Amino acid sequence: THECAHRYYQQFSFDGPFEGHWKEELACDFYMGIRSVLQQMNIRGVLNGMYKLSGSPTHPDGDLRKDAIQFGITTVLQFLNNGTPRTSENFHKAILSYLCALDMDLYARAAKYIQR
């Protein structure tokens, strides 16, 4: 799911640290959460493992990635409960809003990966 989301996001440009790579990674993780609910997958092991990952210039810290997956889970459950159509457009709007709220934190965290 994560890699398929990368294909989807080839048509978009993200802003933010490292030319938007972190935001794209988080958006792709978001879709992992969505799929886990729609296909009733147990991803507890993935979430626990993700939390332990260290970040890099190409991938954000694991806790951010875990949170993005959790946001995907929460979002699709809300859509299902309130009848919001499960369209790529609606999911894209949700993740963009989420990522916008993270901007300051992403830049602050990215500082430790910038080579001086």
PDB file of N, CA and C in Angstrom:
ATOM      1  N   THR A   1       0.826  -1.194   0.000  1.00  0.00           N
ATOM      2  CA  THR A   1       0.000   0.000   0.000  1.00  0.00           C
ATOM      3  C   THR A   1       0.867   1.254   0.000  1.00  0.00           C
ATOM      4  N   HIS A   2       1.881   1.245   0.844  1.00  0.00           N
ATOM      5  CA  HIS A   2       2.771   2.399   0.941  1.00  0.00           C
ATOM      6  C   HIS A   2       3.409   2.701  -0.410  1.00  0.00           C
ATOM      7  N   GLU A   3       3.925   1.686  -1.071  1.00  0.00           N
ATOM      8  CA  GLU A   3       4.597   1.897  -2.353  1.00  0.00           C
ATOM      9  C   GLU A   3       3.607   2.306  -3.447  1.00  0.00           C
ATOM     10  N   CYS A   4       2.405   1.769  -3.421  1.00  0.00           N
ATOM     11  CA  CYS A   4       1.378   2.190  -4.383  1.00  0.00           C
ATOM     12  C   CYS A   4       1.026   3.658  -4.179  1.00  0.00           C
ATOM     13  N   ALA A   5       0.989   4.088  -2.937  1.00  0.00           N
ATOM     14  CA  ALA A   5       0.715   5.497  -2.648  1.00  0.00           C
ATOM     15  C   ALA A   5       1.821   6.394  -3.211  1.00  0.00           C
ATOM     16  N   HIS A   6       3.056   5.912  -3.209  1.00  0.00           N
ATOM     17  CA  HIS A   6       4.137   6.693  -3.845  1.00  0.00           C
ATOM     18  C   HIS A   6       3.826   6.909  -5.324  1.00  0.00           C
ATOM     19  N   ARG A   7       3.311   5.900  -5.988  1.00  0.00           N
ATOM     20  CA  ARG A   7       2.958   6.041  -7.411  1.00  0.00           C
ATOM     21  C   ARG A   7       1.858   7.095  -7.568  1.00  0.00           C
ATOM     22  N   TYR A   8       0.875   7.049  -6.694  1.00  0.00           N
ATOM     23  CA  TYR A   8      -0.209   8.028  -6.734  1.00  0.00           C
ATOM     24  C   TYR A   8       0.341   9.437  -6.544  1.00  0.00           C
ATOM     25  N   TYR A   9       1.254   9.589  -5.623  1.00  0.00           N
ATOM     26  CA  TYR A   9       1.764  10.916  -5.293  1.00  0.00           C
ATOM     27  C   TYR A   9       2.858  11.407  -6.234  1.00  0.00           C
ATOM     28  N   GLN A  10       3.191  10.664  -7.268  1.00  0.00           N
ATOM     29  CA  GLN A  10       4.147  11.164  -8.262  1.00  0.00           C
ATOM     30  C   GLN A  10       3.618  12.423  -8.947  1.00  0.00           C
ATOM     31  N   GLN A  11       2.312  12.576  -8.976  1.00  0.00           N
ATOM     32  CA  GLN A  11       1.711  13.729  -9.645  1.00  0.00           C
ATOM     33  C   GLN A  11       1.630  14.972  -8.751  1.00  0.00           C
ATOM     34  N   PHE A  12       2.033  14.855  -7.513  1.00  0.00           N
ATOM     35  CA  PHE A  12       1.954  15.964  -6.568  1.00  0.00           C
ATOM     36  C   PHE A  12       3.350  16.410  -6.132  1.00  0.00           C
ATOM     37  N   SER A  13       3.415  17.648  -5.696  1.00  0.00           N
ATOM     38  CA  SER A  13       4.650  18.156  -5.087  1.00  0.00           C
ATOM     39  C   SER A  13       4.332  18.556  -3.652  1.00  0.00           C
ATOM     40  N   PHE A  14       5.115  18.040  -2.739  1.00  0.00           N
ATOM     41  CA  PHE A  14       4.962  18.414  -1.341  1.00  0.00           C
ATOM     42  C   PHE A  14       6.017  19.452  -0.993  1.00  0.00           C
ATOM     43  N   ASP A  15       5.677  20.327  -0.073  1.00  0.00           N
ATOM     44  CA  ASP A  15       6.669  21.263   0.431  1.00  0.00           C
ATOM     45  C   ASP A  15       7.225  20.691   1.725  1.00  0.00           C
ATOM     46  N   GLY A  16       8.121  21.406   2.322  1.00  0.00           N
ATOM     47  CA  GLY A  16       8.634  20.977   3.620  1.00  0.00           C
ATOM     48  C   GLY A  16      10.059  20.487   3.552  1.00  0.00           C
ATOM     49  N   PRO A  17      10.522  19.952   4.674  1.00  0.00           N
ATOM     50  CA  PRO A  17      11.911  19.512   4.772  1.00  0.00           C
ATOM     51  C   PRO A  17      12.274  18.496   3.687  1.00  0.00           C
ATOM     52  N   PHE A  18      13.510  18.622   3.237  1.00  0.00           N
ATOM     53  CA  PHE A  18      14.070  17.676   2.269  1.00  0.00           C
ATOM     54  C   PHE A  18      13.211  17.573   1.011  1.00  0.00           C
ATOM     55  N   GLU A  19      12.868  18.755   0.485  1.00  0.00           N
ATOM     56  CA  GLU A  19      12.108  18.866  -0.764  1.00  0.00           C
ATOM     57  C   GLU A  19      10.783  18.096  -0.710  1.00  0.00           C
ATOM     58  N   GLY A  20      10.193  18.031   0.457  1.00  0.00           N
ATOM     59  CA  GLY A  20       8.895  17.393   0.622  1.00  0.00           C
ATOM     60  C   GLY A  20       8.924  15.880   0.787  1.00  0.00           C
ATOM     61  N   HIS A  21      10.118  15.287   0.820  1.00  0.00           N
ATOM     62  CA  HIS A  21      10.197  13.826   0.953  1.00  0.00           C
ATOM     63  C   HIS A  21       9.509  13.326   2.217  1.00  0.00           C
ATOM     64  N   TRP A  22       9.706  14.032   3.320  1.00  0.00           N
ATOM     65  CA  TRP A  22       9.097  13.581   4.567  1.00  0.00           C
ATOM     66  C   TRP A  22       7.571  13.581   4.466  1.00  0.00           C
ATOM     67  N   LYS A  23       7.019  14.639   3.904  1.00  0.00           N
ATOM     68  CA  LYS A  23       5.558  14.706   3.805  1.00  0.00           C
ATOM     69  C   LYS A  23       5.023  13.616   2.882  1.00  0.00           C
ATOM     70  N   GLU A  24       5.730  13.338   1.808  1.00  0.00           N
ATOM     71  CA  GLU A  24       5.269  12.266   0.930  1.00  0.00           C
ATOM     72  C   GLU A  24       5.303  10.928   1.661  1.00  0.00           C
ATOM     73  N   GLU A  25       6.354  10.680   2.418  1.00  0.00           N
ATOM     74  CA  GLU A  25       6.432   9.427   3.180  1.00  0.00           C
ATOM     75  C   GLU A  25       5.279   9.313   4.164  1.00  0.00           C
ATOM     76  N   LEU A  26       4.973  10.404   4.842  1.00  0.00           N
ATOM     77  CA  LEU A  26       3.875  10.375   5.810  1.00  0.00           C
ATOM     78  C   LEU A  26       2.528  10.178   5.118  1.00  0.00           C
ATOM     79  N   ALA A  27       2.365  10.783   3.944  1.00  0.00           N
ATOM     80  CA  ALA A  27       1.128  10.589   3.188  1.00  0.00           C
ATOM     81  C   ALA A  27       0.979   9.120   2.789  1.00  0.00           C
ATOM     82  N   CYS A  28       2.064   8.503   2.391  1.00  0.00           N
ATOM     83  CA  CYS A  28       2.019   7.082   2.010  1.00  0.00           C
ATOM     84  C   CYS A  28       1.737   6.199   3.220  1.00  0.00           C
ATOM     85  N   ASP A  29       2.290   6.552   4.354  1.00  0.00           N
ATOM     86  CA  ASP A  29       1.997   5.812   5.586  1.00  0.00           C
ATOM     87  C   ASP A  29       0.520   5.946   5.961  1.00  0.00           C
ATOM     88  N   PHE A  30      -0.030   7.131   5.761  1.00  0.00           N
ATOM     89  CA  PHE A  30      -1.450   7.391   5.998  1.00  0.00           C
ATOM     90  C   PHE A  30      -2.308   6.357   5.261  1.00  0.00           C
ATOM     91  N   TYR A  31      -1.963   6.079   4.012  1.00  0.00           N
ATOM     92  CA  TYR A  31      -2.731   5.105   3.225  1.00  0.00           C
ATOM     93  C   TYR A  31      -2.589   3.684   3.761  1.00  0.00           C
ATOM     94  N   MET A  32      -1.487   3.390   4.416  1.00  0.00           N
ATOM     95  CA  MET A  32      -1.357   2.081   5.068  1.00  0.00           C
ATOM     96  C   MET A  32      -2.438   1.922   6.134  1.00  0.00           C
ATOM     97  N   GLY A  33      -2.663   2.983   6.889  1.00  0.00           N
ATOM     98  CA  GLY A  33      -3.699   2.949   7.917  1.00  0.00           C
ATOM     99  C   GLY A  33      -5.082   2.759   7.330  1.00  0.00           C
ATOM    100  N   ILE A  34      -5.347   3.460   6.239  1.00  0.00           N
ATOM    101  CA  ILE A  34      -6.649   3.335   5.578  1.00  0.00           C
ATOM    102  C   ILE A  34      -6.883   1.892   5.133  1.00  0.00           C
ATOM    103  N   ARG A  35      -5.905   1.343   4.448  1.00  0.00           N
ATOM    104  CA  ARG A  35      -6.069  -0.025   3.925  1.00  0.00           C
ATOM    105  C   ARG A  35      -6.233  -1.038   5.054  1.00  0.00           C
ATOM    106  N   SER A  36      -5.520  -0.824   6.150  1.00  0.00           N
ATOM    107  CA  SER A  36      -5.623  -1.787   7.256  1.00  0.00           C
ATOM    108  C   SER A  36      -7.048  -1.905   7.771  1.00  0.00           C
ATOM    109  N   VAL A  37      -7.763  -0.787   7.777  1.00  0.00           N
ATOM    110  CA  VAL A  37      -9.162  -0.816   8.227  1.00  0.00           C
ATOM    111  C   VAL A  37     -10.051  -1.442   7.158  1.00  0.00           C
ATOM    112  N   LEU A  38      -9.895  -1.003   5.927  1.00  0.00           N
ATOM    113  CA  LEU A  38     -10.780  -1.473   4.860  1.00  0.00           C
ATOM    114  C   LEU A  38     -10.636  -2.965   4.598  1.00  0.00           C
ATOM    115  N   GLN A  39      -9.436  -3.490   4.846  1.00  0.00           N
ATOM    116  CA  GLN A  39      -9.233  -4.921   4.624  1.00  0.00           C
ATOM    117  C   GLN A  39      -9.094  -5.700   5.926  1.00  0.00           C
ATOM    118  N   GLN A  40      -9.462  -5.054   7.014  1.00  0.00           N
ATOM    119  CA  GLN A  40      -9.463  -5.689   8.338  1.00  0.00           C
ATOM    120  C   GLN A  40      -8.138  -6.382   8.639  1.00  0.00           C
ATOM    121  N   MET A  41      -7.067  -5.651   8.445  1.00  0.00           N
ATOM    122  CA  MET A  41      -5.724  -6.181   8.676  1.00  0.00           C
ATOM    123  C   MET A  41      -5.247  -5.795  10.074  1.00  0.00           C
ATOM    124  N   ASN A  42      -4.587  -6.704  10.741  1.00  0.00           N
ATOM    125  CA  ASN A  42      -3.966  -6.412  12.032  1.00  0.00           C
ATOM    126  C   ASN A  42      -2.559  -5.893  11.753  1.00  0.00           C
ATOM    127  N   ILE A  43      -2.344  -4.623  12.031  1.00  0.00           N
ATOM    128  CA  ILE A  43      -1.028  -4.030  11.761  1.00  0.00           C
ATOM    129  C   ILE A  43      -0.328  -3.603  13.050  1.00  0.00           C
ATOM    130  N   ARG A  44      -0.720  -4.186  14.149  1.00  0.00           N
ATOM    131  CA  ARG A  44      -0.107  -3.835  15.431  1.00  0.00           C
ATOM    132  C   ARG A  44       1.420  -3.986  15.375  1.00  0.00           C
ATOM    133  N   GLY A  45       1.885  -5.070  14.764  1.00  0.00           N
ATOM    134  CA  GLY A  45       3.326  -5.291  14.645  1.00  0.00           C
ATOM    135  C   GLY A  45       4.006  -4.208  13.816  1.00  0.00           C
ATOM    136  N   VAL A  46       3.345  -3.785  12.753  1.00  0.00           N
ATOM    137  CA  VAL A  46       3.886  -2.708  11.915  1.00  0.00           C
ATOM    138  C   VAL A  46       3.986  -1.425  12.730  1.00  0.00           C
ATOM    139  N   LEU A  47       2.933  -1.110  13.458  1.00  0.00           N
ATOM    140  CA  LEU A  47       2.932   0.110  14.270  1.00  0.00           C
ATOM    141  C   LEU A  47       4.028   0.071  15.327  1.00  0.00           C
ATOM    142  N   ASN A  48       4.178  -1.055  15.994  1.00  0.00           N
ATOM    143  CA  ASN A  48       5.228  -1.169  17.013  1.00  0.00           C
ATOM    144  C   ASN A  48       6.617  -1.056  16.401  1.00  0.00           C
ATOM    145  N   GLY A  49       6.801  -1.655  15.247  1.00  0.00           N
ATOM    146  CA  GLY A  49       8.092  -1.581  14.571  1.00  0.00           C
ATOM    147  C   GLY A  49       8.386  -0.196  14.029  1.00  0.00           C
ATOM    148  N   MET A  50       7.373   0.464  13.508  1.00  0.00           N
ATOM    149  CA  MET A  50       7.541   1.796  12.937  1.00  0.00           C
ATOM    150  C   MET A  50       8.016   2.780  13.998  1.00  0.00           C
ATOM    151  N   TYR A  51       7.473   2.639  15.180  1.00  0.00           N
ATOM    152  CA  TYR A  51       7.813   3.557  16.264  1.00  0.00           C
ATOM    153  C   TYR A  51       9.309   3.542  16.569  1.00  0.00           C
ATOM    154  N   LYS A  52       9.960   2.419  16.323  1.00  0.00           N
ATOM    155  CA  LYS A  52      11.379   2.255  16.663  1.00  0.00           C
ATOM    156  C   LYS A  52      12.326   2.779  15.595  1.00  0.00           C
ATOM    157  N   LEU A  53      11.814   3.141  14.420  1.00  0.00           N
ATOM    158  CA  LEU A  53      12.674   3.565  13.319  1.00  0.00           C
ATOM    159  C   LEU A  53      13.267   4.945  13.555  1.00  0.00           C
ATOM    160  N   SER A  54      14.514   5.083  13.198  1.00  0.00           N
ATOM    161  CA  SER A  54      15.172   6.392  13.228  1.00  0.00           C
ATOM    162  C   SER A  54      14.918   7.095  11.905  1.00  0.00           C
ATOM    163  N   GLY A  55      14.910   8.395  11.939  1.00  0.00           N
ATOM    164  CA  GLY A  55      14.695   9.179  10.732  1.00  0.00           C
ATOM    165  C   GLY A  55      15.961   9.358   9.931  1.00  0.00           C
ATOM    166  N   SER A  56      15.803   9.998   8.787  1.00  0.00           N
ATOM    167  CA  SER A  56      16.912  10.309   7.885  1.00  0.00           C
ATOM    168  C   SER A  56      16.448  11.443   6.976  1.00  0.00           C
ATOM    169  N   PRO A  57      17.303  11.943   6.106  1.00  0.00           N
ATOM    170  CA  PRO A  57      16.832  12.978   5.177  1.00  0.00           C
ATOM    171  C   PRO A  57      15.723  12.498   4.223  1.00  0.00           C
ATOM    172  N   THR A  58      15.590  11.202   4.032  1.00  0.00           N
ATOM    173  CA  THR A  58      14.550  10.709   3.126  1.00  0.00           C
ATOM    174  C   THR A  58      13.305  10.213   3.842  1.00  0.00           C
ATOM    175  N   HIS A  59      13.408   9.904   5.136  1.00  0.00           N
ATOM    176  CA  HIS A  59      12.275   9.365   5.893  1.00  0.00           C
ATOM    177  C   HIS A  59      12.218  10.008   7.270  1.00  0.00           C
ATOM    178  N   PRO A  60      11.027  10.441   7.694  1.00  0.00           N
ATOM    179  CA  PRO A  60      10.899  11.054   9.026  1.00  0.00           C
ATOM    180  C   PRO A  60      11.024  10.013  10.144  1.00  0.00           C
ATOM    181  N   ASP A  61      11.146  10.514  11.348  1.00  0.00           N
ATOM    182  CA  ASP A  61      11.239   9.648  12.521  1.00  0.00           C
ATOM    183  C   ASP A  61      10.049   8.698  12.593  1.00  0.00           C
ATOM    184  N   GLY A  62      10.300   7.529  13.157  1.00  0.00           N
ATOM    185  CA  GLY A  62       9.285   6.490  13.225  1.00  0.00           C
ATOM    186  C   GLY A  62       8.025   6.873  13.972  1.00  0.00           C
ATOM    187  N   ASP A  63       8.146   7.689  15.008  1.00  0.00           N
ATOM    188  CA  ASP A  63       6.937   8.075  15.737  1.00  0.00           C
ATOM    189  C   ASP A  63       6.010   8.922  14.862  1.00  0.00           C
ATOM    190  N   LEU A  64       6.591   9.746  13.994  1.00  0.00           N
ATOM    191  CA  LEU A  64       5.772  10.520  13.057  1.00  0.00           C
ATOM    192  C   LEU A  64       5.081   9.598  12.058  1.00  0.00           C
ATOM    193  N   ARG A  65       5.795   8.580  11.628  1.00  0.00           N
ATOM    194  CA  ARG A  65       5.237   7.635  10.662  1.00  0.00           C
ATOM    195  C   ARG A  65       4.111   6.815  11.300  1.00  0.00           C
ATOM    196  N   LYS A  66       4.330   6.408  12.536  1.00  0.00           N
ATOM    197  CA  LYS A  66       3.284   5.678  13.260  1.00  0.00           C
ATOM    198  C   LYS A  66       2.046   6.552  13.417  1.00  0.00           C
ATOM    199  N   ASP A  67       2.247   7.807  13.758  1.00  0.00           N
ATOM    200  CA  ASP A  67       1.125   8.725  13.921  1.00  0.00           C
ATOM    201  C   ASP A  67       0.365   8.915  12.604  1.00  0.00           C
ATOM    202  N   ALA A  68       1.077   8.946  11.482  1.00  0.00           N
ATOM    203  CA  ALA A  68       0.417   9.098  10.179  1.00  0.00           C
ATOM    204  C   ALA A  68      -0.437   7.868   9.867  1.00  0.00           C
ATOM    205  N   ILE A  69       0.070   6.692  10.201  1.00  0.00           N
ATOM    206  CA  ILE A  69      -0.710   5.466  10.002  1.00  0.00           C
ATOM    207  C   ILE A  69      -1.967   5.524  10.878  1.00  0.00           C
ATOM    208  N   GLN A  70      -1.791   5.922  12.130  1.00  0.00           N
ATOM    209  CA  GLN A  70      -2.930   6.034  13.048  1.00  0.00           C
ATOM    210  C   GLN A  70      -3.947   7.048  12.531  1.00  0.00           C
ATOM    211  N   PHE A  71      -3.446   8.139  11.943  1.00  0.00           N
ATOM    212  CA  PHE A  71      -4.358   9.136  11.385  1.00  0.00           C
ATOM    213  C   PHE A  71      -5.143   8.546  10.224  1.00  0.00           C
ATOM    214  N   GLY A  72      -4.525   7.705   9.417  1.00  0.00           N
ATOM    215  CA  GLY A  72      -5.242   7.017   8.338  1.00  0.00           C
ATOM    216  C   GLY A  72      -6.349   6.139   8.890  1.00  0.00           C
ATOM    217  N   ILE A  73      -6.048   5.427   9.958  1.00  0.00           N
ATOM    218  CA  ILE A  73      -7.050   4.566  10.600  1.00  0.00           C
ATOM    219  C   ILE A  73      -8.219   5.408  11.108  1.00  0.00           C
ATOM    220  N   THR A  74      -7.903   6.456  11.836  1.00  0.00           N
ATOM    221  CA  THR A  74      -8.932   7.339  12.394  1.00  0.00           C
ATOM    222  C   THR A  74      -9.768   7.983  11.296  1.00  0.00           C
ATOM    223  N   THR A  75      -9.095   8.436  10.254  1.00  0.00           N
ATOM    224  CA  THR A  75      -9.799   9.121   9.164  1.00  0.00           C
ATOM    225  C   THR A  75     -10.796   8.205   8.474  1.00  0.00           C
ATOM    226  N   VAL A  76     -10.362   7.012   8.099  1.00  0.00           N
ATOM    227  CA  VAL A  76     -11.284   6.122   7.384  1.00  0.00           C
ATOM    228  C   VAL A  76     -12.433   5.675   8.294  1.00  0.00           C
ATOM    229  N   LEU A  77     -12.170   5.492   9.570  1.00  0.00           N
ATOM    230  CA  LEU A  77     -13.261   5.153  10.490  1.00  0.00           C
ATOM    231  C   LEU A  77     -14.268   6.297  10.585  1.00  0.00           C
ATOM    232  N   GLN A  78     -13.773   7.533  10.624  1.00  0.00           N
ATOM    233  CA  GLN A  78     -14.681   8.688  10.643  1.00  0.00           C
ATOM    234  C   GLN A  78     -15.487   8.757   9.356  1.00  0.00           C
ATOM    235  N   PHE A  79     -14.826   8.524   8.221  1.00  0.00           N
ATOM    236  CA  PHE A  79     -15.533   8.539   6.937  1.00  0.00           C
ATOM    237  C   PHE A  79     -16.636   7.483   6.928  1.00  0.00           C
ATOM    238  N   LEU A  80     -16.316   6.295   7.398  1.00  0.00           N
ATOM    239  CA  LEU A  80     -17.296   5.213   7.423  1.00  0.00           C
ATOM    240  C   LEU A  80     -18.462   5.546   8.350  1.00  0.00           C
ATOM    241  N   ASN A  81     -18.170   6.142   9.488  1.00  0.00           N
ATOM    242  CA  ASN A  81     -19.211   6.451  10.477  1.00  0.00           C
ATOM    243  C   ASN A  81     -20.113   7.603  10.063  1.00  0.00           C
ATOM    244  N   ASN A  82     -19.558   8.594   9.344  1.00  0.00           N
ATOM    245  CA  ASN A  82     -20.396   9.749   9.001  1.00  0.00           C
ATOM    246  C   ASN A  82     -20.813   9.792   7.533  1.00  0.00           C
ATOM    247  N   GLY A  83     -20.483   8.730   6.789  1.00  0.00           N
ATOM    248  CA  GLY A  83     -20.939   8.647   5.408  1.00  0.00           C
ATOM    249  C   GLY A  83     -20.141   9.457   4.403  1.00  0.00           C
ATOM    250  N   THR A  84     -18.976   9.941   4.797  1.00  0.00           N
ATOM    251  CA  THR A  84     -18.133  10.669   3.858  1.00  0.00           C
ATOM    252  C   THR A  84     -17.650   9.712   2.769  1.00  0.00           C
ATOM    253  N   PRO A  85     -17.798  10.077   1.516  1.00  0.00           N
ATOM    254  CA  PRO A  85     -17.321   9.191   0.445  1.00  0.00           C
ATOM    255  C   PRO A  85     -15.819   8.925   0.572  1.00  0.00           C
ATOM    256  N   ARG A  86     -15.447   7.678   0.408  1.00  0.00           N
ATOM    257  CA  ARG A  86     -14.039   7.271   0.517  1.00  0.00           C
ATOM    258  C   ARG A  86     -13.364   7.437  -0.839  1.00  0.00           C
ATOM    259  N   THR A  87     -13.132   8.685  -1.206  1.00  0.00           N
ATOM    260  CA  THR A  87     -12.496   8.988  -2.488  1.00  0.00           C
ATOM    261  C   THR A  87     -11.054   9.424  -2.261  1.00  0.00           C
ATOM    262  N   SER A  88     -10.255   9.279  -3.302  1.00  0.00           N
ATOM    263  CA  SER A  88      -8.862   9.730  -3.190  1.00  0.00           C
ATOM    264  C   SER A  88      -8.819  11.223  -2.900  1.00  0.00           C
ATOM    265  N   GLU A  89      -9.750  11.977  -3.455  1.00  0.00           N
ATOM    266  CA  GLU A  89      -9.786  13.421  -3.214  1.00  0.00           C
ATOM    267  C   GLU A  89     -10.040  13.727  -1.735  1.00  0.00           C
ATOM    268  N   ASN A  90     -11.005  13.041  -1.131  1.00  0.00           N
ATOM    269  CA  ASN A  90     -11.302  13.283   0.285  1.00  0.00           C
ATOM    270  C   ASN A  90     -10.152  12.846   1.187  1.00  0.00           C
ATOM    271  N   PHE A  91      -9.541  11.724   0.866  1.00  0.00           N
ATOM    272  CA  PHE A  91      -8.385  11.286   1.653  1.00  0.00           C
ATOM    273  C   PHE A  91      -7.222  12.260   1.481  1.00  0.00           C
ATOM    274  N   HIS A  92      -7.018  12.724   0.267  1.00  0.00           N
ATOM    275  CA  HIS A  92      -5.917  13.666  -0.001  1.00  0.00           C
ATOM    276  C   HIS A  92      -6.119  14.961   0.795  1.00  0.00           C
ATOM    277  N   LYS A  93      -7.334  15.473   0.818  1.00  0.00           N
ATOM    278  CA  LYS A  93      -7.622  16.681   1.599  1.00  0.00           C
ATOM    279  C   LYS A  93      -7.317  16.459   3.074  1.00  0.00           C
ATOM    280  N   ALA A  94      -7.692  15.292   3.579  1.00  0.00           N
ATOM    281  CA  ALA A  94      -7.462  14.991   4.995  1.00  0.00           C
ATOM    282  C   ALA A  94      -5.973  14.953   5.314  1.00  0.00           C
ATOM    283  N   ILE A  95      -5.186  14.286   4.481  1.00  0.00           N
ATOM    284  CA  ILE A  95      -3.757  14.177   4.792  1.00  0.00           C
ATOM    285  C   ILE A  95      -3.058  15.522   4.613  1.00  0.00           C
ATOM    286  N   LEU A  96      -3.468  16.318   3.642  1.00  0.00           N
ATOM    287  CA  LEU A  96      -2.844  17.635   3.480  1.00  0.00           C
ATOM    288  C   LEU A  96      -3.092  18.514   4.699  1.00  0.00           C
ATOM    289  N   SER A  97      -4.301  18.461   5.235  1.00  0.00           N
ATOM    290  CA  SER A  97      -4.609  19.231   6.440  1.00  0.00           C
ATOM    291  C   SER A  97      -3.754  18.758   7.613  1.00  0.00           C
ATOM    292  N   TYR A  98      -3.629  17.464   7.752  1.00  0.00           N
ATOM    293  CA  TYR A  98      -2.808  16.867   8.814  1.00  0.00           C
ATOM    294  C   TYR A  98      -1.347  17.298   8.676  1.00  0.00           C
ATOM    295  N   LEU A  99      -0.820  17.227   7.461  1.00  0.00           N
ATOM    296  CA  LEU A  99       0.582  17.585   7.236  1.00  0.00           C
ATOM    297  C   LEU A  99       0.833  19.068   7.457  1.00  0.00           C
ATOM    298  N   CYS A 100      -0.120  19.894   7.085  1.00  0.00           N
ATOM    299  CA  CYS A 100       0.011  21.337   7.311  1.00  0.00           C
ATOM    300  C   CYS A 100       0.143  21.632   8.801  1.00  0.00           C
ATOM    301  N   ALA A 101      -0.618  20.925   9.609  1.00  0.00           N
ATOM    302  CA  ALA A 101      -0.555  21.124  11.063  1.00  0.00           C
ATOM    303  C   ALA A 101       0.787  20.683  11.644  1.00  0.00           C
ATOM    304  N   LEU A 102       1.499  19.813  10.934  1.00  0.00           N
ATOM    305  CA  LEU A 102       2.796  19.314  11.408  1.00  0.00           C
ATOM    306  C   LEU A 102       3.985  20.155  10.972  1.00  0.00           C
ATOM    307  N   ASP A 103       3.766  21.141  10.121  1.00  0.00           N
ATOM    308  CA  ASP A 103       4.870  21.879   9.501  1.00  0.00           C
ATOM    309  C   ASP A 103       5.987  22.284  10.463  1.00  0.00           C
ATOM    310  N   MET A 104       5.640  22.963  11.523  1.00  0.00           N
ATOM    311  CA  MET A 104       6.669  23.468  12.446  1.00  0.00           C
ATOM    312  C   MET A 104       7.464  22.320  13.067  1.00  0.00           C
ATOM    313  N   ASP A 105       6.775  21.263  13.456  1.00  0.00           N
ATOM    314  CA  ASP A 105       7.439  20.108  14.054  1.00  0.00           C
ATOM    315  C   ASP A 105       8.366  19.439  13.051  1.00  0.00           C
ATOM    316  N   LEU A 106       7.931  19.310  11.803  1.00  0.00           N
ATOM    317  CA  LEU A 106       8.773  18.677  10.785  1.00  0.00           C
ATOM    318  C   LEU A 106      10.062  19.449  10.573  1.00  0.00           C
ATOM    319  N   TYR A 107       9.962  20.761  10.472  1.00  0.00           N
ATOM    320  CA  TYR A 107      11.174  21.576  10.284  1.00  0.00           C
ATOM    321  C   TYR A 107      12.096  21.475  11.493  1.00  0.00           C
ATOM    322  N   ALA A 108      11.521  21.490  12.680  1.00  0.00           N
ATOM    323  CA  ALA A 108      12.341  21.380  13.895  1.00  0.00           C
ATOM    324  C   ALA A 108      13.066  20.037  13.943  1.00  0.00           C
ATOM    325  N   ARG A 109      12.383  18.965  13.622  1.00  0.00           N
ATOM    326  CA  ARG A 109      12.994  17.645  13.639  1.00  0.00           C
ATOM    327  C   ARG A 109      14.016  17.477  12.525  1.00  0.00           C
ATOM    328  N   ALA A 110      13.751  18.088  11.383  1.00  0.00           N
ATOM    329  CA  ALA A 110      14.666  17.947  10.235  1.00  0.00           C
ATOM    330  C   ALA A 110      16.035  18.546  10.532  1.00  0.00           C
ATOM    331  N   ALA A 111      16.066  19.516  11.420  1.00  0.00           N
ATOM    332  CA  ALA A 111      17.334  20.201  11.698  1.00  0.00           C
ATOM    333  C   ALA A 111      18.427  19.236  12.127  1.00  0.00           C
ATOM    334  N   LYS A 112      18.073  18.171  12.820  1.00  0.00           N
ATOM    335  CA  LYS A 112      19.114  17.239  13.272  1.00  0.00           C
ATOM    336  C   LYS A 112      19.673  16.379  12.152  1.00  0.00           C
ATOM    337  N   TYR A 113      19.017  16.359  10.996  1.00  0.00           N
ATOM    338  CA  TYR A 113      19.499  15.551   9.869  1.00  0.00           C
ATOM    339  C   TYR A 113      20.193  16.369   8.789  1.00  0.00           C
ATOM    340  N   ILE A 114      20.184  17.673   8.959  1.00  0.00           N
ATOM    341  CA  ILE A 114      20.832  18.541   7.972  1.00  0.00           C
ATOM    342  C   ILE A 114      22.328  18.510   8.225  1.00  0.00           C
ATOM    343  N   GLN A 115      23.059  18.110   7.193  1.00  0.00           N
ATOM    344  CA  GLN A 115      24.517  18.046   7.337  1.00  0.00           C
ATOM    345  C   GLN A 115      25.076  19.451   7.234  1.00  0.00           C
ATOM    346  N   ARG A 116      25.958  19.734   8.144  1.00  0.00           N
ATOM    347  CA  ARG A 116      26.561  21.089   8.169  1.00  0.00           C
ATOM    348  C   ARG A 116      27.929  21.060   7.581  1.00  0.00           C
TER     349      ARG A 116
END
